[in-house]
PDB file of N, CA and C in Angstrom:
ATOM      1  N   MET A   1     106.978  83.721 118.454  1.00  0.00           N
ATOM      2  CA  MET A   1     107.530  84.951 118.954  1.00  0.00           C
ATOM      3  C   MET A   1     108.350  85.595 117.834  1.00  0.00           C
ATOM      4  N   LEU A   2     108.316  86.928 117.759  1.00  0.00           N
ATOM      5  CA  LEU A   2     109.043  87.639 116.728  1.00  0.00           C
ATOM      6  C   LEU A   2     110.440  88.002 117.196  1.00  0.00           C
ATOM      7  N   ALA A   3     111.334  88.176 116.262  1.00  0.00           N
ATOM      8  CA  ALA A   3     112.714  88.548 116.576  1.00  0.00           C
ATOM      9  C   ALA A   3     113.307  89.282 115.380  1.00  0.00           C
ATOM     10  N   PHE A   4     114.534  89.775 115.542  1.00  0.00           N
ATOM     11  CA  PHE A   4     115.251  90.413 114.453  1.00  0.00           C
ATOM     12  C   PHE A   4     116.346  89.492 113.950  1.00  0.00           C
ATOM     13  N   ASP A   5     116.605  89.551 112.652  1.00  0.00           N
ATOM     14  CA  ASP A   5     117.721  88.788 112.115  1.00  0.00           C
ATOM     15  C   ASP A   5     119.007  89.593 112.315  1.00  0.00           C
ATOM     16  N   GLN A   6     120.115  89.111 111.787  1.00  0.00           N
ATOM     17  CA  GLN A   6     121.404  89.769 111.981  1.00  0.00           C
ATOM     18  C   GLN A   6     121.484  91.135 111.331  1.00  0.00           C
ATOM     19  N   ARG A   7     120.648  91.388 110.358  1.00  0.00           N
ATOM     20  CA  ARG A   7     120.653  92.674 109.663  1.00  0.00           C
ATOM     21  C   ARG A   7     119.648  93.647 110.261  1.00  0.00           C
ATOM     22  N   GLY A   8     118.976  93.263 111.344  1.00  0.00           N
ATOM     23  CA  GLY A   8     118.024  94.146 112.002  1.00  0.00           C
ATOM     24  C   GLY A   8     116.631  94.125 111.417  1.00  0.00           C
ATOM     25  N   ARG A   9     116.352  93.155 110.557  1.00  0.00           N
ATOM     26  CA  ARG A   9     115.013  93.041 109.974  1.00  0.00           C
ATOM     27  C   ARG A   9     114.158  92.122 110.834  1.00  0.00           C
ATOM     28  N   VAL A  10     112.875  92.418 110.875  1.00  0.00           N
ATOM     29  CA  VAL A  10     111.960  91.590 111.655  1.00  0.00           C
ATOM     30  C   VAL A  10     111.878  90.201 111.052  1.00  0.00           C
ATOM     31  N   GLU A  11     111.968  89.182 111.899  1.00  0.00           N
ATOM     32  CA  GLU A  11     111.743  87.802 111.477  1.00  0.00           C
ATOM     33  C   GLU A  11     110.329  87.418 111.906  1.00  0.00           C
ATOM     34  N   TRP A  12     109.422  87.416 110.964  1.00  0.00           N
ATOM     35  CA  TRP A  12     108.033  87.085 111.246  1.00  0.00           C
ATOM     36  C   TRP A  12     107.847  85.585 111.145  1.00  0.00           C
ATOM     37  N   PRO A  13     106.884  85.058 111.917  1.00  0.00           N
ATOM     38  CA  PRO A  13     106.558  83.636 111.760  1.00  0.00           C
ATOM     39  C   PRO A  13     106.166  83.363 110.313  1.00  0.00           C
ATOM     40  N   THR A  14     106.550  82.229 109.797  1.00  0.00           N
ATOM     41  CA  THR A  14     106.329  81.928 108.385  1.00  0.00           C
ATOM     42  C   THR A  14     104.860  81.802 108.019  1.00  0.00           C
ATOM     43  N   GLY A  15     103.985  81.597 108.985  1.00  0.00           N
ATOM     44  CA  GLY A  15     102.567  81.430 108.686  1.00  0.00           C
ATOM     45  C   GLY A  15     101.830  82.716 108.375  1.00  0.00           C
ATOM     46  N   LEU A  16     102.459  83.871 108.614  1.00  0.00           N
ATOM     47  CA  LEU A  16     101.790  85.145 108.348  1.00  0.00           C
ATOM     48  C   LEU A  16     101.987  85.555 106.892  1.00  0.00           C
ATOM     49  N   THR A  17     100.903  86.050 106.286  1.00  0.00           N
ATOM     50  CA  THR A  17     101.008  86.585 104.933  1.00  0.00           C
ATOM     51  C   THR A  17     101.703  87.935 104.988  1.00  0.00           C
ATOM     52  N   VAL A  18     102.077  88.452 103.846  1.00  0.00           N
ATOM     53  CA  VAL A  18     102.703  89.771 103.774  1.00  0.00           C
ATOM     54  C   VAL A  18     101.762  90.823 104.362  1.00  0.00           C
ATOM     55  N   ALA A  19     100.478  90.751 104.001  1.00  0.00           N
ATOM     56  CA  ALA A  19      99.500  91.709 104.510  1.00  0.00           C
ATOM     57  C   ALA A  19      99.358  91.605 106.026  1.00  0.00           C
ATOM     58  N   GLU A  20      99.348  90.380 106.542  1.00  0.00           N
ATOM     59  CA  GLU A  20      99.229  90.183 107.993  1.00  0.00           C
ATOM     60  C   GLU A  20     100.460  90.714 108.719  1.00  0.00           C
ATOM     61  N   ARG A  21     101.628  90.549 108.120  1.00  0.00           N
ATOM     62  CA  ARG A  21     102.846  91.088 108.737  1.00  0.00           C
ATOM     63  C   ARG A  21     102.771  92.608 108.814  1.00  0.00           C
ATOM     64  N   ALA A  22     102.297  93.232 107.754  1.00  0.00           N
ATOM     65  CA  ALA A  22     102.173  94.688 107.739  1.00  0.00           C
ATOM     66  C   ALA A  22     101.166  95.153 108.784  1.00  0.00           C
ATOM     67  N   VAL A  23     100.042  94.467 108.882  1.00  0.00           N
ATOM     68  CA  VAL A  23      99.026  94.814 109.875  1.00  0.00           C
ATOM     69  C   VAL A  23      99.586  94.630 111.287  1.00  0.00           C
ATOM     70  N   ALA A  24     100.295  93.531 111.524  1.00  0.00           N
ATOM     71  CA  ALA A  24     100.878  93.288 112.845  1.00  0.00           C
ATOM     72  C   ALA A  24     101.855  94.397 113.223  1.00  0.00           C
ATOM     73  N   ALA A  25     102.691  94.801 112.277  1.00  0.00           N
ATOM     74  CA  ALA A  25     103.655  95.875 112.552  1.00  0.00           C
ATOM     75  C   ALA A  25     102.942  97.167 112.905  1.00  0.00           C
ATOM     76  N   LEU A  26     101.866  97.472 112.189  1.00  0.00           N
ATOM     77  CA  LEU A  26     101.100  98.688 112.487  1.00  0.00           C
ATOM     78  C   LEU A  26     100.393  98.583 113.833  1.00  0.00           C
ATOM     79  N   LEU A  27      99.889  97.409 114.169  1.00  0.00           N
ATOM     80  CA  LEU A  27      99.282  97.213 115.483  1.00  0.00           C
ATOM     81  C   LEU A  27     100.298  97.457 116.590  1.00  0.00           C
ATOM     82  N   ILE A  28     101.493  96.917 116.412  1.00  0.00           N
ATOM     83  CA  ILE A  28     102.545  97.074 117.413  1.00  0.00           C
ATOM     84  C   ILE A  28     102.912  98.545 117.575  1.00  0.00           C
ATOM     85  N   ARG A  29     102.830  99.295 116.502  1.00  0.00           N
ATOM     86  CA  ARG A  29     103.112 100.739 116.556  1.00  0.00           C
ATOM     87  C   ARG A  29     101.992 101.526 117.207  1.00  0.00           C
ATOM     88  N   GLY A  30     100.839 100.880 117.402  1.00  0.00           N
ATOM     89  CA  GLY A  30      99.727 101.548 118.073  1.00  0.00           C
ATOM     90  C   GLY A  30      98.647 102.092 117.157  1.00  0.00           C
ATOM     91  N   SER A  31      98.668 101.717 115.892  1.00  0.00           N
ATOM     92  CA  SER A  31      97.655 102.184 114.944  1.00  0.00           C
ATOM     93  C   SER A  31      96.289 101.582 115.251  1.00  0.00           C
ATOM     94  N   THR A  32      95.246 102.357 115.020  1.00  0.00           N
ATOM     95  CA  THR A  32      93.881 101.863 115.170  1.00  0.00           C
ATOM     96  C   THR A  32      93.472 101.133 113.894  1.00  0.00           C
ATOM     97  N   ASN A  33      92.377 100.384 113.979  1.00  0.00           N
ATOM     98  CA  ASN A  33      91.856  99.692 112.791  1.00  0.00           C
ATOM     99  C   ASN A  33      91.591 100.693 111.674  1.00  0.00           C
ATOM    100  N   ARG A  34      90.993 101.807 112.017  1.00  0.00           N
ATOM    101  CA  ARG A  34      90.647 102.827 111.017  1.00  0.00           C
ATOM    102  C   ARG A  34      91.912 103.380 110.354  1.00  0.00           C
ATOM    103  N   GLU A  35      92.952 103.632 111.157  1.00  0.00           N
ATOM    104  CA  GLU A  35      94.213 104.131 110.599  1.00  0.00           C
ATOM    105  C   GLU A  35      94.857 103.102 109.686  1.00  0.00           C
ATOM    106  N   ILE A  36      94.828 101.846 110.106  1.00  0.00           N
ATOM    107  CA  ILE A  36      95.404 100.779 109.281  1.00  0.00           C
ATOM    108  C   ILE A  36      94.646 100.678 107.962  1.00  0.00           C
ATOM    109  N   ALA A  37      93.324 100.708 108.026  1.00  0.00           N
ATOM    110  CA  ALA A  37      92.502 100.616 106.809  1.00  0.00           C
ATOM    111  C   ALA A  37      92.826 101.773 105.862  1.00  0.00           C
ATOM    112  N   ARG A  38      92.912 102.970 106.404  1.00  0.00           N
ATOM    113  CA  ARG A  38      93.217 104.146 105.581  1.00  0.00           C
ATOM    114  C   ARG A  38      94.621 104.037 104.984  1.00  0.00           C
ATOM    115  N   ASP A  39      95.597 103.712 105.814  1.00  0.00           N
ATOM    116  CA  ASP A  39      96.988 103.652 105.360  1.00  0.00           C
ATOM    117  C   ASP A  39      97.227 102.549 104.339  1.00  0.00           C
ATOM    118  N   ARG A  40      96.514 101.443 104.457  1.00  0.00           N
ATOM    119  CA  ARG A  40      96.732 100.286 103.586  1.00  0.00           C
ATOM    120  C   ARG A  40      95.730 100.221 102.434  1.00  0.00           C
ATOM    121  N   GLY A  41      94.770 101.148 102.406  1.00  0.00           N
ATOM    122  CA  GLY A  41      93.796 101.159 101.319  1.00  0.00           C
ATOM    123  C   GLY A  41      92.862  99.965 101.346  1.00  0.00           C
ATOM    124  N   ARG A  42      92.520  99.532 102.553  1.00  0.00           N
ATOM    125  CA  ARG A  42      91.628  98.382 102.739  1.00  0.00           C
ATOM    126  C   ARG A  42      90.375  98.834 103.474  1.00  0.00           C
ATOM    127  N   SER A  43      89.351  97.992 103.438  1.00  0.00           N
ATOM    128  CA  SER A  43      88.143  98.302 104.202  1.00  0.00           C
ATOM    129  C   SER A  43      88.396  97.967 105.672  1.00  0.00           C
ATOM    130  N   PRO A  44      87.684  98.643 106.572  1.00  0.00           N
ATOM    131  CA  PRO A  44      87.830  98.317 107.993  1.00  0.00           C
ATOM    132  C   PRO A  44      87.516  96.844 108.277  1.00  0.00           C
ATOM    133  N   ARG A  45      86.599  96.270 107.543  1.00  0.00           N
ATOM    134  CA  ARG A  45      86.241  94.857 107.749  1.00  0.00           C
ATOM    135  C   ARG A  45      87.412  93.940 107.353  1.00  0.00           C
ATOM    136  N   THR A  46      88.064  94.254 106.250  1.00  0.00           N
ATOM    137  CA  THR A  46      89.223  93.465 105.829  1.00  0.00           C
ATOM    138  C   THR A  46      90.313  93.532 106.889  1.00  0.00           C
ATOM    139  N   VAL A  47      90.559  94.730 107.417  1.00  0.00           N
ATOM    140  CA  VAL A  47      91.571  94.902 108.458  1.00  0.00           C
ATOM    141  C   VAL A  47      91.189  94.100 109.700  1.00  0.00           C
ATOM    142  N   ALA A  48      89.933  94.151 110.096  1.00  0.00           N
ATOM    143  CA  ALA A  48      89.483  93.382 111.265  1.00  0.00           C
ATOM    144  C   ALA A  48      89.718  91.891 111.055  1.00  0.00           C
ATOM    145  N   ASN A  49      89.447  91.400 109.854  1.00  0.00           N
ATOM    146  CA  ASN A  49      89.687  89.983 109.546  1.00  0.00           C
ATOM    147  C   ASN A  49      91.174  89.649 109.593  1.00  0.00           C
ATOM    148  N   GLN A  50      92.018  90.543 109.079  1.00  0.00           N
ATOM    149  CA  GLN A  50      93.462  90.311 109.110  1.00  0.00           C
ATOM    150  C   GLN A  50      93.983  90.308 110.543  1.00  0.00           C
ATOM    151  N   ILE A  51      93.452  91.197 111.379  1.00  0.00           N
ATOM    152  CA  ILE A  51      93.863  91.247 112.786  1.00  0.00           C
ATOM    153  C   ILE A  51      93.480  89.947 113.482  1.00  0.00           C
ATOM    154  N   ALA A  52      92.269  89.469 113.240  1.00  0.00           N
ATOM    155  CA  ALA A  52      91.832  88.208 113.844  1.00  0.00           C
ATOM    156  C   ALA A  52      92.748  87.061 113.418  1.00  0.00           C
ATOM    157  N   SER A  53      93.152  87.065 112.157  1.00  0.00           N
ATOM    158  CA  SER A  53      94.037  86.028 111.655  1.00  0.00           C
ATOM    159  C   SER A  53      95.424  86.119 112.303  1.00  0.00           C
ATOM    160  N   VAL A  54      95.933  87.335 112.455  1.00  0.00           N
ATOM    161  CA  VAL A  54      97.233  87.547 113.115  1.00  0.00           C
ATOM    162  C   VAL A  54      97.170  87.024 114.544  1.00  0.00           C
ATOM    163  N   PHE A  55      96.123  87.404 115.265  1.00  0.00           N
ATOM    164  CA  PHE A  55      95.979  86.967 116.660  1.00  0.00           C
ATOM    165  C   PHE A  55      95.966  85.445 116.748  1.00  0.00           C
ATOM    166  N   GLN A  56      95.202  84.813 115.861  1.00  0.00           N
ATOM    167  CA  GLN A  56      95.110  83.349 115.882  1.00  0.00           C
ATOM    168  C   GLN A  56      96.466  82.713 115.590  1.00  0.00           C
ATOM    169  N   LYS A  57      97.123  83.174 114.557  1.00  0.00           N
ATOM    170  CA  LYS A  57      98.397  82.580 114.154  1.00  0.00           C
ATOM    171  C   LYS A  57      99.508  82.802 115.170  1.00  0.00           C
ATOM    172  N   LEU A  58      99.470  83.941 115.882  1.00  0.00           N
ATOM    173  CA  LEU A  58     100.501  84.232 116.870  1.00  0.00           C
ATOM    174  C   LEU A  58     100.108  83.782 118.271  1.00  0.00           C
ATOM    175  N   GLY A  59      98.878  83.297 118.417  1.00  0.00           N
ATOM    176  CA  GLY A  59      98.435  82.789 119.705  1.00  0.00           C
ATOM    177  C   GLY A  59      98.211  83.861 120.749  1.00  0.00           C
ATOM    178  N   VAL A  60      97.727  85.017 120.305  1.00  0.00           N
ATOM    179  CA  VAL A  60      97.414  86.102 121.235  1.00  0.00           C
ATOM    180  C   VAL A  60      95.936  86.430 121.126  1.00  0.00           C
ATOM    181  N   SER A  61      95.411  87.124 122.134  1.00  0.00           N
ATOM    182  CA  SER A  61      93.981  87.439 122.105  1.00  0.00           C
ATOM    183  C   SER A  61      93.693  88.941 122.183  1.00  0.00           C
ATOM    184  N   SER A  62      94.735  89.765 122.221  1.00  0.00           N
ATOM    185  CA  SER A  62      94.511  91.209 122.273  1.00  0.00           C
ATOM    186  C   SER A  62      95.740  91.947 121.752  1.00  0.00           C
ATOM    187  N   ARG A  63      95.556  93.234 121.456  1.00  0.00           N
ATOM    188  CA  ARG A  63      96.672  94.080 121.022  1.00  0.00           C
ATOM    189  C   ARG A  63      97.724  94.158 122.118  1.00  0.00           C
ATOM    190  N   MET A  64      97.259  94.291 123.344  1.00  0.00           N
ATOM    191  CA  MET A  64      98.188  94.406 124.463  1.00  0.00           C
ATOM    192  C   MET A  64      99.047  93.144 124.575  1.00  0.00           C
ATOM    193  N   GLU A  65      98.425  91.988 124.414  1.00  0.00           N
ATOM    194  CA  GLU A  65      99.190  90.742 124.476  1.00  0.00           C
ATOM    195  C   GLU A  65     100.183  90.659 123.317  1.00  0.00           C
ATOM    196  N   LEU A  66      99.783  91.117 122.133  1.00  0.00           N
ATOM    197  CA  LEU A  66     100.689  91.138 120.990  1.00  0.00           C
ATOM    198  C   LEU A  66     101.908  92.001 121.301  1.00  0.00           C
ATOM    199  N   VAL A  67     101.678  93.195 121.804  1.00  0.00           N
ATOM    200  CA  VAL A  67     102.786  94.097 122.127  1.00  0.00           C
ATOM    201  C   VAL A  67     103.641  93.515 123.245  1.00  0.00           C
ATOM    202  N   THR A  68     102.996  92.985 124.272  1.00  0.00           N
ATOM    203  CA  THR A  68     103.736  92.428 125.407  1.00  0.00           C
ATOM    204  C   THR A  68     104.620  91.263 124.967  1.00  0.00           C
ATOM    205  N   ARG A  69     104.072  90.373 124.178  1.00  0.00           N
ATOM    206  CA  ARG A  69     104.852  89.200 123.744  1.00  0.00           C
ATOM    207  C   ARG A  69     105.975  89.586 122.800  1.00  0.00           C
ATOM    208  N   THR A  70     105.742  90.575 121.961  1.00  0.00           N
ATOM    209  CA  THR A  70     106.765  90.942 120.988  1.00  0.00           C
ATOM    210  C   THR A  70     107.820  91.869 121.564  1.00  0.00           C
ATOM    211  N   THR A  71     107.590  92.406 122.748  1.00  0.00           N
ATOM    212  CA  THR A  71     108.579  93.288 123.363  1.00  0.00           C
ATOM    213  C   THR A  71     109.179  92.676 124.616  1.00  0.00           C
ATOM    214  N   SER A  72     108.925  91.405 124.851  1.00  0.00           N
ATOM    215  CA  SER A  72     109.480  90.751 126.034  1.00  0.00           C
ATOM    216  C   SER A  72     110.997  90.664 125.923  1.00  0.00           C
ATOM    217  N   ALA A  73     111.646  90.510 127.043  1.00  0.00           N
ATOM    218  CA  ALA A  73     113.112  90.488 127.086  1.00  0.00           C
ATOM    219  C   ALA A  73     113.696  89.400 126.190  1.00  0.00           C
ATOM    220  N   ASP A  74     113.048  88.253 126.134  1.00  0.00           N
ATOM    221  CA  ASP A  74     113.608  87.163 125.334  1.00  0.00           C
ATOM    222  C   ASP A  74     113.358  87.335 123.840  1.00  0.00           C
ATOM    223  N   CYS A  75     112.549  88.307 123.482  1.00  0.00           N
ATOM    224  CA  CYS A  75     112.323  88.583 122.069  1.00  0.00           C
ATOM    225  C   CYS A  75     113.431  89.487 121.532  1.00  0.00           C
ATOM    226  N   GLY A  76     113.931  90.391 122.364  1.00  0.00           N
ATOM    227  CA  GLY A  76     115.074  91.198 121.991  1.00  0.00           C
ATOM    228  C   GLY A  76     114.791  92.469 121.212  1.00  0.00           C
ATOM    229  N   TRP A  77     113.546  92.899 121.124  1.00  0.00           N
ATOM    230  CA  TRP A  77     113.284  94.153 120.446  1.00  0.00           C
ATOM    231  C   TRP A  77     112.031  94.824 120.965  1.00  0.00           C
ATOM    232  N   ALA A  78     111.829  96.061 120.602  1.00  0.00           N
ATOM    233  CA  ALA A  78     110.676  96.851 121.041  1.00  0.00           C
ATOM    234  C   ALA A  78     110.020  97.498 119.828  1.00  0.00           C
ATOM    235  N   PRO A  79     108.754  97.926 119.951  1.00  0.00           N
ATOM    236  CA  PRO A  79     108.069  98.546 118.815  1.00  0.00           C
ATOM    237  C   PRO A  79     108.846  99.705 118.205  1.00  0.00           C
ATOM    238  N   ALA A  80     109.574 100.468 119.013  1.00  0.00           N
ATOM    239  CA  ALA A  80     110.338 101.588 118.476  1.00  0.00           C
ATOM    240  C   ALA A  80     111.349 101.124 117.440  1.00  0.00           C
ATOM    241  N   ASP A  81     111.801  99.878 117.559  1.00  0.00           N
ATOM    242  CA  ASP A  81     112.758  99.334 116.607  1.00  0.00           C
ATOM    243  C   ASP A  81     112.166  99.175 115.209  1.00  0.00           C
ATOM    244  N   LEU A  82     110.847  99.175 115.105  1.00  0.00           N
ATOM    245  CA  LEU A  82     110.209  99.026 113.810  1.00  0.00           C
ATOM    246  C   LEU A  82     110.140 100.348 113.056  1.00  0.00           C
ATOM    247  N   ARG A  83     110.335 101.472 113.754  1.00  0.00           N
ATOM    248  CA  ARG A  83     110.253 102.773 113.088  1.00  0.00           C
ATOM    249  C   ARG A  83     111.300 102.851 112.005  1.00  0.00           C
ATOM    250  N   GLY A  84     110.887 103.348 110.863  1.00  0.00           N
ATOM    251  CA  GLY A  84     111.808 103.505 109.764  1.00  0.00           C
ATOM    252  C   GLY A  84     111.943 102.275 108.885  1.00  0.00           C
ATOM    253  N   GLN A  85     111.396 101.165 109.319  1.00  0.00           N
ATOM    254  CA  GLN A  85     111.443  99.968 108.465  1.00  0.00           C
ATOM    255  C   GLN A  85     110.305 100.032 107.470  1.00  0.00           C
ATOM    256  N   ALA A  86     110.572  99.609 106.272  1.00  0.00           N
ATOM    257  CA  ALA A  86     109.529  99.571 105.257  1.00  0.00           C
ATOM    258  C   ALA A  86     108.512  98.503 105.632  1.00  0.00           C
ATOM    259  N   ILE A  87     107.254  98.836 105.428  1.00  0.00           N
ATOM    260  CA  ILE A  87     106.176  97.884 105.637  1.00  0.00           C
ATOM    261  C   ILE A  87     105.619  97.543 104.257  1.00  0.00           C
ATOM    262  N   ALA A  88     105.592  96.287 103.949  1.00  0.00           N
ATOM    263  CA  ALA A  88     105.140  95.846 102.625  1.00  0.00           C
ATOM    264  C   ALA A  88     103.703  96.270 102.386  1.00  0.00           C
ATOM    265  N   PRO A  89     103.377  96.582 101.145  1.00  0.00           N
ATOM    266  CA  PRO A  89     101.996  96.987 100.809  1.00  0.00           C
ATOM    267  C   PRO A  89     101.000  95.855 100.936  1.00  0.00           C
TER     268      PRO A  89
END
């Protein structure tokens, strides 16, 4: 489960790569695969593979489950909290 540290930064599970963290953040914001590929300068296939890896590592099977789990009351934050945070390239 994701959370924020004391400085308000997202605490991602350690098993996610930098690219996977960026993709996860964009998914939570509601970006489509095509938008993520365009914004990150990757092929749609690469993005699809990264999404599959994120889902596996976080134990979710859909975008909705990702958003639901990351915005649950015990997680302590919502996708809107990610606005304005830098997303690593």
